[in-house]
Amino acid sequence: MDNRFWGSLGLSSKAGKLIYGVPMIIEAMQKGKRVYLVIEAGDTSDNTHKKITDKCSFYGVEKIRIEADGAQLASRIGKSSSLAAVAITDESFYKMVSKNLVDNQ
């Protein structure tokens, strides 16, 4: 992950277009809130990974698993505690993050 990816994810956070944590992401999807992309930390447990994968599949939400662990994911977006996942809720920010993710691979 390069600085463009982290920068675009940080901008999404500052703009209030991210949902933090698996329970909140799942709740948002169940309530019909539009989620464009779920970004999963690379160190999630098998159970958490399955839960995120299953819910994203059921609700038709794109999901990626990054190499960064939960602590790195949290610190890069200005949060103090570790995060298993974040979700982008805005199409413009989704496109920006996705572009920086693709450019990085």
C-alpha atoms as a PDB file:
ATOM      1  CA  MET A   1       0.000   0.000   0.000  1.00  0.00           C
ATOM      2  CA  ASP A   2       1.449   3.327  -0.965  1.00  0.00           C
ATOM      3  CA  ASN A   3       0.823   6.828   0.327  1.00  0.00           C
ATOM      4  CA  ARG A   4      -1.794   7.613  -2.347  1.00  0.00           C
ATOM      5  CA  PHE A   5      -3.967   4.733  -1.138  1.00  0.00           C
ATOM      6  CA  TRP A   6      -3.567   5.705   2.522  1.00  0.00           C
ATOM      7  CA  GLY A   7      -4.078   9.380   1.701  1.00  0.00           C
ATOM      8  CA  SER A   8      -7.331   8.710  -0.135  1.00  0.00           C
ATOM      9  CA  LEU A   9      -8.522   6.470   2.704  1.00  0.00           C
ATOM     10  CA  GLY A  10      -7.620   9.197   5.194  1.00  0.00           C
ATOM     11  CA  LEU A  11      -9.582  11.771   3.185  1.00  0.00           C
ATOM     12  CA  SER A  12     -12.579   9.422   3.214  1.00  0.00           C
ATOM     13  CA  SER A  13     -12.317   9.230   6.982  1.00  0.00           C
ATOM     14  CA  LYS A  14     -12.034  12.991   7.454  1.00  0.00           C
ATOM     15  CA  ALA A  15     -15.061  13.492   5.208  1.00  0.00           C
ATOM     16  CA  GLY A  16     -17.105  11.119   7.360  1.00  0.00           C
ATOM     17  CA  LYS A  17     -17.532   8.586   4.553  1.00  0.00           C
ATOM     18  CA  LEU A  18     -16.145   5.555   6.410  1.00  0.00           C
ATOM     19  CA  ILE A  19     -17.773   3.087   8.763  1.00  0.00           C
ATOM     20  CA  TYR A  20     -15.377   1.614  11.334  1.00  0.00           C
ATOM     21  CA  GLY A  21     -15.462  -1.956  12.617  1.00  0.00           C
ATOM     22  CA  VAL A  22     -17.177  -5.172  11.583  1.00  0.00           C
ATOM     23  CA  PRO A  23     -20.326  -4.854  13.740  1.00  0.00           C
ATOM     24  CA  MET A  24     -21.053  -1.347  12.473  1.00  0.00           C
ATOM     25  CA  ILE A  25     -20.395  -2.341   8.856  1.00  0.00           C
ATOM     26  CA  ILE A  26     -22.720  -5.338   9.071  1.00  0.00           C
ATOM     27  CA  GLU A  27     -25.406  -3.264  10.781  1.00  0.00           C
ATOM     28  CA  ALA A  28     -25.193  -0.611   8.056  1.00  0.00           C
ATOM     29  CA  MET A  29     -25.572  -3.235   5.307  1.00  0.00           C
ATOM     30  CA  GLN A  30     -28.519  -4.849   7.093  1.00  0.00           C
ATOM     31  CA  LYS A  31     -30.235  -1.470   7.430  1.00  0.00           C
ATOM     32  CA  GLY A  32     -29.821  -0.802   3.717  1.00  0.00           C
ATOM     33  CA  LYS A  33     -27.109   1.866   3.899  1.00  0.00           C
ATOM     34  CA  ARG A  34     -25.113   1.931   0.667  1.00  0.00           C
ATOM     35  CA  VAL A  35     -21.667   0.443   1.215  1.00  0.00           C
ATOM     36  CA  TYR A  36     -19.360   0.544  -1.815  1.00  0.00           C
ATOM     37  CA  LEU A  37     -16.246  -1.184  -0.520  1.00  0.00           C
ATOM     38  CA  VAL A  38     -15.136  -3.025   2.610  1.00  0.00           C
ATOM     39  CA  ILE A  39     -11.417  -2.974   3.348  1.00  0.00           C
ATOM     40  CA  GLU A  40     -10.373  -5.797   5.657  1.00  0.00           C
ATOM     41  CA  ALA A  41      -7.131  -5.830   7.636  1.00  0.00           C
ATOM     42  CA  GLY A  42      -4.748  -8.662   6.843  1.00  0.00           C
ATOM     43  CA  ASP A  43      -4.653 -10.027  10.392  1.00  0.00           C
ATOM     44  CA  THR A  44      -8.329 -10.726  11.008  1.00  0.00           C
ATOM     45  CA  SER A  45      -9.231 -14.081  12.519  1.00  0.00           C
ATOM     46  CA  ASP A  46     -10.671 -16.829  10.336  1.00  0.00           C
ATOM     47  CA  ASN A  47     -14.074 -16.278  11.956  1.00  0.00           C
ATOM     48  CA  THR A  48     -14.050 -12.517  11.314  1.00  0.00           C
ATOM     49  CA  HIS A  49     -12.793 -13.029   7.754  1.00  0.00           C
ATOM     50  CA  LYS A  50     -15.621 -15.478   7.058  1.00  0.00           C
ATOM     51  CA  LYS A  51     -18.214 -13.163   8.600  1.00  0.00           C
ATOM     52  CA  ILE A  52     -17.077 -10.187   6.517  1.00  0.00           C
ATOM     53  CA  THR A  53     -16.779 -12.260   3.339  1.00  0.00           C
ATOM     54  CA  ASP A  54     -20.211 -13.857   3.771  1.00  0.00           C
ATOM     55  CA  LYS A  55     -21.981 -10.553   4.494  1.00  0.00           C
ATOM     56  CA  CYS A  56     -20.300  -8.772   1.588  1.00  0.00           C
ATOM     57  CA  SER A  57     -21.228 -11.616  -0.722  1.00  0.00           C
ATOM     58  CA  PHE A  58     -24.835 -11.646   0.504  1.00  0.00           C
ATOM     59  CA  TYR A  59     -25.271  -7.877   0.118  1.00  0.00           C
ATOM     60  CA  GLY A  60     -23.257  -7.606  -3.113  1.00  0.00           C
ATOM     61  CA  VAL A  61     -20.526  -5.403  -1.645  1.00  0.00           C
ATOM     62  CA  GLU A  62     -16.980  -5.417  -2.987  1.00  0.00           C
ATOM     63  CA  LYS A  63     -14.361  -6.450  -0.413  1.00  0.00           C
ATOM     64  CA  ILE A  64     -10.588  -6.400  -0.389  1.00  0.00           C
ATOM     65  CA  ARG A  65      -8.154  -7.727   2.176  1.00  0.00           C
ATOM     66  CA  ILE A  66      -5.013  -5.657   2.536  1.00  0.00           C
ATOM     67  CA  GLU A  67      -1.629  -6.676   3.898  1.00  0.00           C
ATOM     68  CA  ALA A  68      -1.667  -4.072   6.663  1.00  0.00           C
ATOM     69  CA  ASP A  69      -2.773  -5.298  10.066  1.00  0.00           C
ATOM     70  CA  GLY A  70      -5.607  -3.807  12.106  1.00  0.00           C
ATOM     71  CA  ALA A  71      -3.326  -1.488  14.090  1.00  0.00           C
ATOM     72  CA  GLN A  72      -1.772  -0.096  10.896  1.00  0.00           C
ATOM     73  CA  LEU A  73      -5.189   0.345   9.294  1.00  0.00           C
ATOM     74  CA  ALA A  74      -6.445   2.255  12.320  1.00  0.00           C
ATOM     75  CA  SER A  75      -3.375   4.464  12.723  1.00  0.00           C
ATOM     76  CA  ARG A  76      -3.326   5.414   9.022  1.00  0.00           C
ATOM     77  CA  ILE A  77      -6.823   6.876   9.313  1.00  0.00           C
ATOM     78  CA  GLY A  78      -6.298   8.522  12.680  1.00  0.00           C
ATOM     79  CA  LYS A  79      -7.909   5.971  14.987  1.00  0.00           C
ATOM     80  CA  SER A  80      -6.213   4.786  18.145  1.00  0.00           C
ATOM     81  CA  SER A  81      -7.498   1.237  18.499  1.00  0.00           C
ATOM     82  CA  SER A  82      -7.072  -1.607  16.030  1.00  0.00           C
ATOM     83  CA  LEU A  83      -9.700  -2.078  13.305  1.00  0.00           C
ATOM     84  CA  ALA A  84     -10.575  -5.324  11.546  1.00  0.00           C
ATOM     85  CA  ALA A  85     -12.295  -3.475   8.692  1.00  0.00           C
ATOM     86  CA  VAL A  86     -13.589  -0.167   7.362  1.00  0.00           C
ATOM     87  CA  ALA A  87     -16.259   0.477   4.764  1.00  0.00           C
ATOM     88  CA  ILE A  88     -16.578   3.318   2.252  1.00  0.00           C
ATOM     89  CA  THR A  89     -20.082   4.789   1.957  1.00  0.00           C
ATOM     90  CA  ASP A  90     -19.586   7.363  -0.803  1.00  0.00           C
ATOM     91  CA  GLU A  91     -19.214   6.604  -4.511  1.00  0.00           C
ATOM     92  CA  SER A  92     -16.690   9.362  -5.214  1.00  0.00           C
ATOM     93  CA  PHE A  93     -14.412   8.288  -2.364  1.00  0.00           C
ATOM     94  CA  TYR A  94     -14.865   4.645  -3.409  1.00  0.00           C
ATOM     95  CA  LYS A  95     -13.646   5.503  -6.918  1.00  0.00           C
ATOM     96  CA  MET A  96     -10.674   7.466  -5.568  1.00  0.00           C
ATOM     97  CA  VAL A  97      -9.591   4.720  -3.150  1.00  0.00           C
ATOM     98  CA  SER A  98     -10.121   2.011  -5.777  1.00  0.00           C
ATOM     99  CA  LYS A  99      -8.071   3.908  -8.348  1.00  0.00           C
ATOM    100  CA  ASN A 100      -5.191   4.328  -5.899  1.00  0.00           C
ATOM    101  CA  LEU A 101      -5.462   0.673  -4.945  1.00  0.00           C
ATOM    102  CA  VAL A 102      -5.330  -0.481  -8.590  1.00  0.00           C
ATOM    103  CA  ASP A 103      -2.486   1.919  -9.392  1.00  0.00           C
ATOM    104  CA  ASN A 104      -0.568   0.396  -6.494  1.00  0.00           C
ATOM    105  CA  GLN A 105      -0.752  -3.207  -7.712  1.00  0.00           C
END
